[in-house]
Structure formats: structure tokens, C-alpha cells
C-alpha atoms as a PDB file:
ATOM      1  CA  UNK A   1      29.581  23.286  -0.224  1.00  0.00           C
ATOM      2  CA  UNK A   2      30.442  21.720   3.144  1.00  0.00           C
ATOM      3  CA  UNK A   3      28.882  18.410   4.109  1.00  0.00           C
ATOM      4  CA  UNK A   4      26.483  19.969   6.614  1.00  0.00           C
ATOM      5  CA  UNK A   5      25.181  22.241   3.843  1.00  0.00           C
ATOM      6  CA  UNK A   6      24.865  19.211   1.556  1.00  0.00           C
ATOM      7  CA  UNK A   7      23.050  17.320   4.293  1.00  0.00           C
ATOM      8  CA  UNK A   8      20.734  20.256   4.991  1.00  0.00           C
ATOM      9  CA  UNK A   9      20.003  20.610   1.272  1.00  0.00           C
ATOM     10  CA  UNK A  10      19.585  16.840   0.922  1.00  0.00           C
ATOM     11  CA  UNK A  11      17.032  16.851   3.729  1.00  0.00           C
ATOM     12  CA  UNK A  12      14.913  19.578   2.110  1.00  0.00           C
ATOM     13  CA  UNK A  13      12.036  17.234   1.223  1.00  0.00           C
ATOM     14  CA  UNK A  14      12.145  15.413   4.545  1.00  0.00           C
ATOM     15  CA  UNK A  15      12.393  18.642   6.520  1.00  0.00           C
ATOM     16  CA  UNK A  16       9.514  20.265   4.624  1.00  0.00           C
ATOM     17  CA  UNK A  17       7.297  17.232   5.229  1.00  0.00           C
ATOM     18  CA  UNK A  18       8.344  16.894   8.857  1.00  0.00           C
ATOM     19  CA  UNK A  19       8.106  20.630   9.554  1.00  0.00           C
ATOM     20  CA  UNK A  20       4.706  20.968   7.936  1.00  0.00           C
ATOM     21  CA  UNK A  21       3.170  18.035   9.823  1.00  0.00           C
ATOM     22  CA  UNK A  22       4.647  18.877  13.232  1.00  0.00           C
ATOM     23  CA  UNK A  23       4.207  22.649  13.018  1.00  0.00           C
ATOM     24  CA  UNK A  24       0.556  22.237  12.046  1.00  0.00           C
ATOM     25  CA  UNK A  25      -0.062  20.509  15.381  1.00  0.00           C
ATOM     26  CA  UNK A  26       1.684  23.247  17.339  1.00  0.00           C
ATOM     27  CA  UNK A  27      -0.243  25.950  15.470  1.00  0.00           C
ATOM     28  CA  UNK A  28      -3.607  24.392  16.294  1.00  0.00           C
ATOM     29  CA  UNK A  29      -2.894  23.405  19.891  1.00  0.00           C
ATOM     30  CA  UNK A  30      -1.756  25.919  22.462  1.00  0.00           C
ATOM     31  CA  UNK A  31      -2.784  23.783  25.407  1.00  0.00           C
ATOM     32  CA  UNK A  32      -0.889  20.583  26.147  1.00  0.00           C
ATOM     33  CA  UNK A  33      -3.557  17.921  26.653  1.00  0.00           C
ATOM     34  CA  UNK A  34      -4.370  14.372  25.512  1.00  0.00           C
ATOM     35  CA  UNK A  35      -5.790  15.529  22.184  1.00  0.00           C
ATOM     36  CA  UNK A  36      -2.542  17.425  21.545  1.00  0.00           C
ATOM     37  CA  UNK A  37      -0.473  14.281  22.152  1.00  0.00           C
ATOM     38  CA  UNK A  38      -2.727  12.192  19.902  1.00  0.00           C
ATOM     39  CA  UNK A  39      -2.416  14.677  17.048  1.00  0.00           C
ATOM     40  CA  UNK A  40       1.342  14.937  17.503  1.00  0.00           C
ATOM     41  CA  UNK A  41       1.635  11.139  17.478  1.00  0.00           C
ATOM     42  CA  UNK A  42      -0.284  11.005  14.186  1.00  0.00           C
ATOM     43  CA  UNK A  43       1.988  13.706  12.733  1.00  0.00           C
ATOM     44  CA  UNK A  44       5.134  11.774  13.679  1.00  0.00           C
ATOM     45  CA  UNK A  45       3.771   8.574  12.146  1.00  0.00           C
ATOM     46  CA  UNK A  46       2.908  10.463   8.954  1.00  0.00           C
ATOM     47  CA  UNK A  47       6.486  11.809   8.918  1.00  0.00           C
ATOM     48  CA  UNK A  48       7.700   8.174   8.644  1.00  0.00           C
ATOM     49  CA  UNK A  49       8.990   7.824  12.170  1.00  0.00           C
ATOM     50  CA  UNK A  50       6.842   4.678  12.473  1.00  0.00           C
ATOM     51  CA  UNK A  51       4.257   3.660  15.059  1.00  0.00           C
ATOM     52  CA  UNK A  52       6.631   2.142  17.618  1.00  0.00           C
ATOM     53  CA  UNK A  53       9.080   5.057  17.556  1.00  0.00           C
ATOM     54  CA  UNK A  54       6.306   7.651  17.600  1.00  0.00           C
ATOM     55  CA  UNK A  55       4.722   5.990  20.642  1.00  0.00           C
ATOM     56  CA  UNK A  56       8.085   5.979  22.400  1.00  0.00           C
ATOM     57  CA  UNK A  57       8.620   9.693  21.677  1.00  0.00           C
ATOM     58  CA  UNK A  58       5.123  10.613  22.873  1.00  0.00           C
ATOM     59  CA  UNK A  59       5.696   8.576  26.043  1.00  0.00           C
ATOM     60  CA  UNK A  60       8.934  10.438  26.724  1.00  0.00           C
ATOM     61  CA  UNK A  61       7.220  13.769  26.106  1.00  0.00           C
ATOM     62  CA  UNK A  62       4.345  12.900  28.459  1.00  0.00           C
ATOM     63  CA  UNK A  63       6.835  12.055  31.210  1.00  0.00           C
ATOM     64  CA  UNK A  64       8.808  15.260  30.644  1.00  0.00           C
ATOM     65  CA  UNK A  65       5.697  17.449  30.558  1.00  0.00           C
ATOM     66  CA  UNK A  66       4.535  15.935  33.829  1.00  0.00           C
ATOM     67  CA  UNK A  67       7.956  16.146  35.483  1.00  0.00           C
ATOM     68  CA  UNK A  68       8.650  19.752  34.400  1.00  0.00           C
ATOM     69  CA  UNK A  69       5.014  20.925  34.688  1.00  0.00           C
ATOM     70  CA  UNK A  70       5.062  22.154  31.079  1.00  0.00           C
ATOM     71  CA  UNK A  71       1.841  23.740  29.831  1.00  0.00           C
ATOM     72  CA  UNK A  72       3.090  25.674  26.793  1.00  0.00           C
ATOM     73  CA  UNK A  73       3.198  23.718  23.516  1.00  0.00           C
ATOM     74  CA  UNK A  74       6.266  25.683  22.367  1.00  0.00           C
ATOM     75  CA  UNK A  75       8.211  24.216  25.275  1.00  0.00           C
ATOM     76  CA  UNK A  76       7.045  20.762  24.177  1.00  0.00           C
ATOM     77  CA  UNK A  77       8.533  21.475  20.745  1.00  0.00           C
ATOM     78  CA  UNK A  78      11.958  21.961  22.329  1.00  0.00           C
ATOM     79  CA  UNK A  79      11.558  18.739  24.286  1.00  0.00           C
ATOM     80  CA  UNK A  80      10.582  16.938  21.039  1.00  0.00           C
ATOM     81  CA  UNK A  81      13.854  18.060  19.477  1.00  0.00           C
ATOM     82  CA  UNK A  82      15.739  16.778  22.511  1.00  0.00           C
ATOM     83  CA  UNK A  83      14.076  13.336  22.474  1.00  0.00           C
ATOM     84  CA  UNK A  84      14.736  12.777  18.756  1.00  0.00           C
ATOM     85  CA  UNK A  85      18.298  14.074  19.067  1.00  0.00           C
ATOM     86  CA  UNK A  86      18.886  11.698  21.984  1.00  0.00           C
ATOM     87  CA  UNK A  87      17.635   8.713  19.946  1.00  0.00           C
ATOM     88  CA  UNK A  88      20.082   9.545  17.168  1.00  0.00           C
ATOM     89  CA  UNK A  89      23.080  10.435  19.296  1.00  0.00           C
ATOM     90  CA  UNK A  90      22.942   7.593  21.812  1.00  0.00           C
ATOM     91  CA  UNK A  91      24.369   5.228  19.195  1.00  0.00           C
ATOM     92  CA  UNK A  92      27.946   4.875  18.030  1.00  0.00           C
ATOM     93  CA  UNK A  93      27.817   5.951  14.385  1.00  0.00           C
ATOM     94  CA  UNK A  94      31.581   5.792  13.844  1.00  0.00           C
ATOM     95  CA  UNK A  95      33.287   3.175  11.708  1.00  0.00           C
ATOM     96  CA  UNK A  96      35.728   0.892  13.528  1.00  0.00           C
ATOM     97  CA  UNK A  97      38.517   0.198  11.069  1.00  0.00           C
ATOM     98  CA  UNK A  98      41.706   0.248  13.114  1.00  0.00           C
ATOM     99  CA  UNK A  99      43.483  -2.832  11.794  1.00  0.00           C
ATOM    100  CA  UNK A 100      45.396  -3.134   8.538  1.00  0.00           C
ATOM    101  CA  UNK A 101      43.634  -4.394   6.615  1.00  0.00           C
ATOM    102  CA  UNK A 102      40.106  -3.833   7.928  1.00  0.00           C
ATOM    103  CA  UNK A 103      37.093  -5.329   6.164  1.00  0.00           C
ATOM    104  CA  UNK A 104      33.707  -3.888   5.208  1.00  0.00           C
ATOM    105  CA  UNK A 105      31.065  -6.341   4.001  1.00  0.00           C
ATOM    106  CA  UNK A 106      28.167  -4.670   2.204  1.00  0.00           C
ATOM    107  CA  UNK A 107      24.751  -6.332   1.975  1.00  0.00           C
ATOM    108  CA  UNK A 108      21.318  -5.290   0.721  1.00  0.00           C
ATOM    109  CA  UNK A 109      18.665  -6.042  -1.887  1.00  0.00           C
ATOM    110  CA  UNK A 110      19.105  -5.162  -5.537  1.00  0.00           C
ATOM    111  CA  UNK A 111      18.129  -1.641  -6.531  1.00  0.00           C
ATOM    112  CA  UNK A 112      18.989   0.182  -3.301  1.00  0.00           C
ATOM    113  CA  UNK A 113      22.270   1.604  -4.613  1.00  0.00           C
ATOM    114  CA  UNK A 114      24.608  -1.011  -3.170  1.00  0.00           C
ATOM    115  CA  UNK A 115      27.276  -1.022  -5.875  1.00  0.00           C
ATOM    116  CA  UNK A 116      27.210   2.771  -6.190  1.00  0.00           C
ATOM    117  CA  UNK A 117      27.558   3.103  -2.397  1.00  0.00           C
ATOM    118  CA  UNK A 118      30.591   0.790  -2.417  1.00  0.00           C
ATOM    119  CA  UNK A 119      32.212   2.875  -5.158  1.00  0.00           C
ATOM    120  CA  UNK A 120      31.544   6.125  -3.309  1.00  0.00           C
ATOM    121  CA  UNK A 121      32.740   4.624  -0.028  1.00  0.00           C
ATOM    122  CA  UNK A 122      35.964   3.561  -1.740  1.00  0.00           C
ATOM    123  CA  UNK A 123      36.385   7.127  -3.006  1.00  0.00           C
ATOM    124  CA  UNK A 124      35.722   8.455   0.519  1.00  0.00           C
ATOM    125  CA  UNK A 125      38.462   6.343   2.086  1.00  0.00           C
ATOM    126  CA  UNK A 126      40.868   6.895  -0.805  1.00  0.00           C
ATOM    127  CA  UNK A 127      40.468  10.667  -0.283  1.00  0.00           C
ATOM    128  CA  UNK A 128      41.730  10.051   3.266  1.00  0.00           C
ATOM    129  CA  UNK A 129      44.889   8.467   1.897  1.00  0.00           C
ATOM    130  CA  UNK A 130      43.753   4.878   2.458  1.00  0.00           C
ATOM    131  CA  UNK A 131      44.661   2.042   0.099  1.00  0.00           C
ATOM    132  CA  UNK A 132      41.369   0.369  -0.809  1.00  0.00           C
ATOM    133  CA  UNK A 133      40.677  -2.999  -2.442  1.00  0.00           C
ATOM    134  CA  UNK A 134      37.258  -4.051  -3.769  1.00  0.00           C
ATOM    135  CA  UNK A 135      35.943  -7.633  -3.887  1.00  0.00           C
ATOM    136  CA  UNK A 136      33.230  -8.380  -6.445  1.00  0.00           C
ATOM    137  CA  UNK A 137      31.484 -11.124  -4.432  1.00  0.00           C
ATOM    138  CA  UNK A 138      28.002 -10.363  -5.810  1.00  0.00           C
ATOM    139  CA  UNK A 139      28.552 -12.983  -8.494  1.00  0.00           C
ATOM    140  CA  UNK A 140      24.898 -13.823  -9.202  1.00  0.00           C
ATOM    141  CA  UNK A 141      23.476 -10.570 -10.529  1.00  0.00           C
ATOM    142  CA  UNK A 142      24.069  -9.839 -14.177  1.00  0.00           C
ATOM    143  CA  UNK A 143      26.480  -6.936 -14.650  1.00  0.00           C
ATOM    144  CA  UNK A 144      27.205  -6.535 -10.897  1.00  0.00           C
ATOM    145  CA  UNK A 145      30.867  -7.444 -11.453  1.00  0.00           C
ATOM    146  CA  UNK A 146      31.155  -5.082 -14.417  1.00  0.00           C
ATOM    147  CA  UNK A 147      29.544  -2.222 -12.494  1.00  0.00           C
ATOM    148  CA  UNK A 148      31.959  -2.620  -9.602  1.00  0.00           C
ATOM    149  CA  UNK A 149      34.863  -2.858 -12.046  1.00  0.00           C
ATOM    150  CA  UNK A 150      33.823   0.494 -13.552  1.00  0.00           C
ATOM    151  CA  UNK A 151      33.757   2.042 -10.077  1.00  0.00           C
ATOM    152  CA  UNK A 152      37.212   0.600  -9.276  1.00  0.00           C
ATOM    153  CA  UNK A 153      38.624   2.247 -12.406  1.00  0.00           C
ATOM    154  CA  UNK A 154      36.833   5.526 -11.626  1.00  0.00           C
ATOM    155  CA  UNK A 155      38.109   5.637  -8.060  1.00  0.00           C
ATOM    156  CA  UNK A 156      41.530   4.291  -8.916  1.00  0.00           C
ATOM    157  CA  UNK A 157      41.660   1.213  -6.730  1.00  0.00           C
ATOM    158  CA  UNK A 158      42.243  -2.508  -7.342  1.00  0.00           C
ATOM    159  CA  UNK A 159      39.466  -5.069  -7.633  1.00  0.00           C
ATOM    160  CA  UNK A 160      39.363  -8.849  -7.173  1.00  0.00           C
ATOM    161  CA  UNK A 161      36.787 -10.531  -9.400  1.00  0.00           C
ATOM    162  CA  UNK A 162      35.876 -13.969 -10.754  1.00  0.00           C
ATOM    163  CA  UNK A 163      33.449 -15.100 -13.413  1.00  0.00           C
ATOM    164  CA  UNK A 164      29.694 -14.620 -13.037  1.00  0.00           C
ATOM    165  CA  UNK A 165      27.997 -17.335 -10.886  1.00  0.00           C
ATOM    166  CA  UNK A 166      31.276 -18.304  -9.223  1.00  0.00           C
ATOM    167  CA  UNK A 167      31.446 -18.980  -5.479  1.00  0.00           C
ATOM    168  CA  UNK A 168      31.288 -15.641  -3.578  1.00  0.00           C
ATOM    169  CA  UNK A 169      33.408 -17.074  -0.747  1.00  0.00           C
ATOM    170  CA  UNK A 170      36.156 -17.925  -3.251  1.00  0.00           C
ATOM    171  CA  UNK A 171      36.223 -14.279  -4.367  1.00  0.00           C
ATOM    172  CA  UNK A 172      36.467 -13.154  -0.745  1.00  0.00           C
ATOM    173  CA  UNK A 173      39.278 -15.689  -0.142  1.00  0.00           C
ATOM    174  CA  UNK A 174      41.349 -14.269  -3.011  1.00  0.00           C
ATOM    175  CA  UNK A 175      40.534 -10.712  -1.917  1.00  0.00           C
ATOM    176  CA  UNK A 176      41.726 -11.366   1.641  1.00  0.00           C
ATOM    177  CA  UNK A 177      44.982 -12.814   0.367  1.00  0.00           C
ATOM    178  CA  UNK A 178      45.427  -9.857  -2.000  1.00  0.00           C
ATOM    179  CA  UNK A 179      44.582  -7.273   0.704  1.00  0.00           C
ATOM    180  CA  UNK A 180      47.294  -8.693   2.953  1.00  0.00           C
ATOM    181  CA  UNK A 181      49.870  -9.089   0.174  1.00  0.00           C
ATOM    182  CA  UNK A 182      49.283  -5.578  -1.238  1.00  0.00           C
ATOM    183  CA  UNK A 183      49.359  -3.883   2.168  1.00  0.00           C
ATOM    184  CA  UNK A 184      45.832  -2.543   1.783  1.00  0.00           C
ATOM    185  CA  UNK A 185      44.124  -0.527   4.515  1.00  0.00           C
ATOM    186  CA  UNK A 186      40.531  -1.433   3.703  1.00  0.00           C
ATOM    187  CA  UNK A 187      38.907  -4.342   1.844  1.00  0.00           C
ATOM    188  CA  UNK A 188      35.300  -3.681   0.776  1.00  0.00           C
ATOM    189  CA  UNK A 189      33.322  -6.792  -0.206  1.00  0.00           C
ATOM    190  CA  UNK A 190      30.197  -6.584  -2.341  1.00  0.00           C
ATOM    191  CA  UNK A 191      27.781  -9.459  -1.630  1.00  0.00           C
ATOM    192  CA  UNK A 192      24.729 -10.975  -3.301  1.00  0.00           C
ATOM    193  CA  UNK A 193      21.739  -8.644  -3.410  1.00  0.00           C
ATOM    194  CA  UNK A 194      19.021 -11.269  -3.616  1.00  0.00           C
ATOM    195  CA  UNK A 195      16.564 -11.553  -0.768  1.00  0.00           C
ATOM    196  CA  UNK A 196      17.172 -15.256  -0.194  1.00  0.00           C
ATOM    197  CA  UNK A 197      15.291 -17.157   2.407  1.00  0.00           C
ATOM    198  CA  UNK A 198      16.988 -16.423   5.725  1.00  0.00           C
ATOM    199  CA  UNK A 199      18.700 -19.809   5.965  1.00  0.00           C
ATOM    200  CA  UNK A 200      20.466 -19.459   2.607  1.00  0.00           C
ATOM    201  CA  UNK A 201      21.355 -15.824   3.265  1.00  0.00           C
ATOM    202  CA  UNK A 202      22.793 -16.687   6.650  1.00  0.00           C
ATOM    203  CA  UNK A 203      24.753 -19.616   5.272  1.00  0.00           C
ATOM    204  CA  UNK A 204      26.268 -17.563   2.453  1.00  0.00           C
ATOM    205  CA  UNK A 205      27.214 -14.621   4.657  1.00  0.00           C
ATOM    206  CA  UNK A 206      28.561 -16.894   7.385  1.00  0.00           C
ATOM    207  CA  UNK A 207      30.722 -18.724   4.849  1.00  0.00           C
ATOM    208  CA  UNK A 208      32.249 -15.438   3.681  1.00  0.00           C
ATOM    209  CA  UNK A 209      32.666 -14.339   7.300  1.00  0.00           C
ATOM    210  CA  UNK A 210      34.535 -17.534   8.162  1.00  0.00           C
ATOM    211  CA  UNK A 211      36.869 -17.017   5.224  1.00  0.00           C
ATOM    212  CA  UNK A 212      37.641 -13.466   6.402  1.00  0.00           C
ATOM    213  CA  UNK A 213      38.226 -14.607   9.983  1.00  0.00           C
ATOM    214  CA  UNK A 214      40.543 -17.392   8.841  1.00  0.00           C
ATOM    215  CA  UNK A 215      42.545 -15.379   6.308  1.00  0.00           C
ATOM    216  CA  UNK A 216      42.631 -12.073   8.210  1.00  0.00           C
ATOM    217  CA  UNK A 217      42.493 -13.098  11.886  1.00  0.00           C
ATOM    218  CA  UNK A 218      41.850 -10.196  14.230  1.00  0.00           C
ATOM    219  CA  UNK A 219      40.892  -7.818  11.422  1.00  0.00           C
ATOM    220  CA  UNK A 220      38.248  -5.211  12.263  1.00  0.00           C
ATOM    221  CA  UNK A 221      35.055  -5.998  10.345  1.00  0.00           C
ATOM    222  CA  UNK A 222      31.984  -3.906   9.648  1.00  0.00           C
ATOM    223  CA  UNK A 223      28.841  -5.402   8.082  1.00  0.00           C
ATOM    224  CA  UNK A 224      26.805  -2.628   6.514  1.00  0.00           C
ATOM    225  CA  UNK A 225      23.329  -2.929   5.033  1.00  0.00           C
ATOM    226  CA  UNK A 226      22.375  -0.527   2.248  1.00  0.00           C
ATOM    227  CA  UNK A 227      18.821   0.834   2.499  1.00  0.00           C
ATOM    228  CA  UNK A 228      16.931   3.099   0.121  1.00  0.00           C
ATOM    229  CA  UNK A 229      15.474   6.031   2.078  1.00  0.00           C
ATOM    230  CA  UNK A 230      12.728   6.538  -0.518  1.00  0.00           C
ATOM    231  CA  UNK A 231      11.107   3.225   0.491  1.00  0.00           C
ATOM    232  CA  UNK A 232      10.289   4.528   3.985  1.00  0.00           C
ATOM    233  CA  UNK A 233       9.085   1.886   6.421  1.00  0.00           C
ATOM    234  CA  UNK A 234       9.852  -0.872   3.898  1.00  0.00           C
ATOM    235  CA  UNK A 235      13.520  -0.101   4.547  1.00  0.00           C
ATOM    236  CA  UNK A 236      12.935  -0.924   8.219  1.00  0.00           C
ATOM    237  CA  UNK A 237      11.481  -4.288   7.170  1.00  0.00           C
ATOM    238  CA  UNK A 238      14.580  -5.016   5.067  1.00  0.00           C
ATOM    239  CA  UNK A 239      16.793  -4.110   8.016  1.00  0.00           C
ATOM    240  CA  UNK A 240      14.838  -6.583  10.134  1.00  0.00           C
ATOM    241  CA  UNK A 241      15.290  -9.427   7.635  1.00  0.00           C
ATOM    242  CA  UNK A 242      19.027  -8.912   7.139  1.00  0.00           C
ATOM    243  CA  UNK A 243      19.695  -8.273  10.831  1.00  0.00           C
ATOM    244  CA  UNK A 244      18.256 -11.709  11.608  1.00  0.00           C
ATOM    245  CA  UNK A 245      20.615 -13.300   9.112  1.00  0.00           C
ATOM    246  CA  UNK A 246      23.797 -11.327   9.769  1.00  0.00           C
ATOM    247  CA  UNK A 247      25.530  -9.425  12.544  1.00  0.00           C
ATOM    248  CA  UNK A 248      24.786  -6.045  10.944  1.00  0.00           C
ATOM    249  CA  UNK A 249      26.920  -3.298  12.490  1.00  0.00           C
ATOM    250  CA  UNK A 250      25.600  -0.317  10.577  1.00  0.00           C
ATOM    251  CA  UNK A 251      23.478   1.150   7.800  1.00  0.00           C
ATOM    252  CA  UNK A 252      24.221   3.034   4.597  1.00  0.00           C
ATOM    253  CA  UNK A 253      21.115   5.094   3.833  1.00  0.00           C
ATOM    254  CA  UNK A 254      20.970   6.097   0.180  1.00  0.00           C
ATOM    255  CA  UNK A 255      18.831   8.588  -1.791  1.00  0.00           C
ATOM    256  CA  UNK A 256      18.100  10.701   1.273  1.00  0.00           C
ATOM    257  CA  UNK A 257      18.014  13.768  -0.943  1.00  0.00           C
ATOM    258  CA  UNK A 258      15.159  12.371  -3.045  1.00  0.00           C
ATOM    259  CA  UNK A 259      12.571  11.637  -0.383  1.00  0.00           C
ATOM    260  CA  UNK A 260      10.291  13.108   2.251  1.00  0.00           C
ATOM    261  CA  UNK A 261      10.726   9.870   4.235  1.00  0.00           C
ATOM    262  CA  UNK A 262      14.041  10.639   5.937  1.00  0.00           C
ATOM    263  CA  UNK A 263      12.305  10.218   9.294  1.00  0.00           C
ATOM    264  CA  UNK A 264      13.057   6.526   8.946  1.00  0.00           C
ATOM    265  CA  UNK A 265      16.577   7.326  10.205  1.00  0.00           C
ATOM    266  CA  UNK A 266      15.009   7.889  13.618  1.00  0.00           C
ATOM    267  CA  UNK A 267      12.788   4.832  13.262  1.00  0.00           C
ATOM    268  CA  UNK A 268      15.680   2.532  12.360  1.00  0.00           C
ATOM    269  CA  UNK A 269      17.860   3.906  15.156  1.00  0.00           C
ATOM    270  CA  UNK A 270      15.148   3.290  17.756  1.00  0.00           C
ATOM    271  CA  UNK A 271      13.500   0.080  16.571  1.00  0.00           C
ATOM    272  CA  UNK A 272      16.491  -1.861  15.240  1.00  0.00           C
ATOM    273  CA  UNK A 273      19.200  -0.309  17.393  1.00  0.00           C
ATOM    274  CA  UNK A 274      21.456  -0.280  14.343  1.00  0.00           C
ATOM    275  CA  UNK A 275      23.414   2.941  13.800  1.00  0.00           C
ATOM    276  CA  UNK A 276      23.348   4.768  10.489  1.00  0.00           C
ATOM    277  CA  UNK A 277      27.008   5.054   9.443  1.00  0.00           C
ATOM    278  CA  UNK A 278      26.829   6.591   5.958  1.00  0.00           C
ATOM    279  CA  UNK A 279      24.222   8.704   4.179  1.00  0.00           C
ATOM    280  CA  UNK A 280      23.871   9.519   0.503  1.00  0.00           C
ATOM    281  CA  UNK A 281      22.651  13.065  -0.167  1.00  0.00           C
ATOM    282  CA  UNK A 282      23.292  13.474  -3.886  1.00  0.00           C
ATOM    283  CA  UNK A 283      24.500  11.965  -7.145  1.00  0.00           C
ATOM    284  CA  UNK A 284      28.111  13.109  -6.895  1.00  0.00           C
ATOM    285  CA  UNK A 285      30.971  10.775  -6.052  1.00  0.00           C
ATOM    286  CA  UNK A 286      31.605  12.753  -2.838  1.00  0.00           C
ATOM    287  CA  UNK A 287      27.944  12.845  -1.748  1.00  0.00           C
ATOM    288  CA  UNK A 288      28.212   9.714   0.412  1.00  0.00           C
ATOM    289  CA  UNK A 289      29.601  10.713   3.783  1.00  0.00           C
ATOM    290  CA  UNK A 290      29.901   9.366   7.293  1.00  0.00           C
ATOM    291  CA  UNK A 291      26.732  10.027   9.277  1.00  0.00           C
ATOM    292  CA  UNK A 292      26.852  12.673  11.983  1.00  0.00           C
ATOM    293  CA  UNK A 293      23.845  12.401  14.301  1.00  0.00           C
ATOM    294  CA  UNK A 294      24.182  15.928  15.681  1.00  0.00           C
ATOM    295  CA  UNK A 295      24.294  17.401  12.173  1.00  0.00           C
ATOM    296  CA  UNK A 296      21.305  15.318  11.086  1.00  0.00           C
ATOM    297  CA  UNK A 297      19.201  16.404  14.054  1.00  0.00           C
ATOM    298  CA  UNK A 298      20.210  20.040  13.502  1.00  0.00           C
ATOM    299  CA  UNK A 299      19.359  19.860   9.788  1.00  0.00           C
ATOM    300  CA  UNK A 300      16.055  18.064  10.422  1.00  0.00           C
ATOM    301  CA  UNK A 301      14.829  20.592  12.960  1.00  0.00           C
ATOM    302  CA  UNK A 302      15.753  23.748  11.128  1.00  0.00           C
ATOM    303  CA  UNK A 303      12.583  25.874  10.948  1.00  0.00           C
ATOM    304  CA  UNK A 304      10.677  23.547  13.287  1.00  0.00           C
END
């Protein structure tokens, strides 16, 4: 099964929810009037696009309807697809890892699939012929180091680890030295998954960032936050908290196949202006893939 087919299958629940809510509005309303827009706005909010994003979309649709003198609701449906596609595709969803080594720092609360995502991401890059090194810098959560060690063995890549409760920055220091010495292409750093207060979180992440900048000057660096798609708008709140504490460059959205709340991809893209870079659409080791906005929009709107 190709990745688009996996994505389409993984979006089944989201698409069914989205399609049902949006199509119901278009079935009831033939005429494009204020009541139509209000009902469509409610449908978008219910599909987990969020209030702010839904209001933006409705505003864009109103302007387009007025500009193009649209009176048929079916034409509005096409314009809706265009607006949502534009939100998703106006961002740069590609990973920027052009130096050797390049660094990926992964952040996020416990329980969102952070360690699993790191393991799958390592497998993704290894399948491209890259030499990957993992750094077990989430030293505070019980078993986090062991879990990452299991993934390293499964994927077949090296790991740098210290004892539990050791200084995360010290782990990153050793990992940077090892990545350079072993001629690695990509260093992926796990980080603490506690929701600290913002000051502590910022201090810890900044310390690790300074170590990377000092030991690997000029290295490309991506800071990715892992979010659980099943939590819907709560994932947007987590993105807000972490984005205030770190220079987040992208999102890994996990468990997309298990939720009807995949509309948060649109919400996050619009409200946080943070691109989704990876999506998880299954349990398999190869079910975490780089996000393609065109494919997502196409899969979301099938049957709409």
C-alpha cells in the first residue's frame, strides 16, 4: 500500500466526520445566505477546525462568493476545498537537514507517542540510507531510556544514553561528539516529556540548544513537537505552550488513524503557523511519513 493509500485509510474516521458534517449543510441549503454561512461555520467547528480557523475560512468564503457572484452552494463547496488546501499548502512542510550531521530535537508531553515517533523517524531516515544516531535525553521519565534503547536495536542504529535522572544536556553533549566522530547524517534527540512551567522548560531546552550550537556549529536543526491527534483542540493548546518555550519548527502528529479529529491539522497550520512535518497513520514501523499537504487535502476531501 502506497503512502497516499495509507493516509487516505488513516483519515477514514476524520473524513467520515468531516464529510458528514459539511455535506449535511450543503444538502439542506441550496441558497447561499447568512444562515448557510452560520451553519457551515458550526459544522467546521464541530469537525475540530477550531473557532478561529473556522471564522477565517467563512470570511474567505464570504469574500469569494461576493467577488465571484456565487449563488450555488455546490460552487461554495469547491471554494471551501480551495481555502483549506491553501491553508495547508502555504507552509513549508519539508525537513531541512542538509548538513552532516543535522540535528532533530523532539519535544512533547508524555503519552503522545514521542519515543515511538523517534524510533519510526529513525527507521524512515535509515531506509533512505542515512546514518542515524539517537540521544536518550529524556532522563527523567522511568523507562524512557530503555524504550528508546529498544527502538535503537529494532531500527539498527546507535544510541547515546546515561543513567536515569542525569543531566539531559550532558547526554546531548556526548551525542554531538559521537555524531561528529562517527560521521552520522542525523542526530535525533529525545527530550523530557514533562509539562514544566515555561521558565524551566525554556531553560532546559535552551541549554541543550546551546550545547548543540557549540559542538556542531552551523548544523541544521529542527525542533519538532509531537502531538496526539486524538486530543483534538487540546493538541493546539500544547503546541501553544511549547511554542512559547522553544523555537518549534514543525509538528509530528501521531494517531491520526484513530481519530475523527484530524481537522486539527488545519487548525494548527492556521492558528500557530507551525507546519506539520510528519504524520502517523498506523501502528507499523513504516507508518510515520513526511507530511504532504496536497495529499492530505486530497484525502480529506474525498467524497465531500
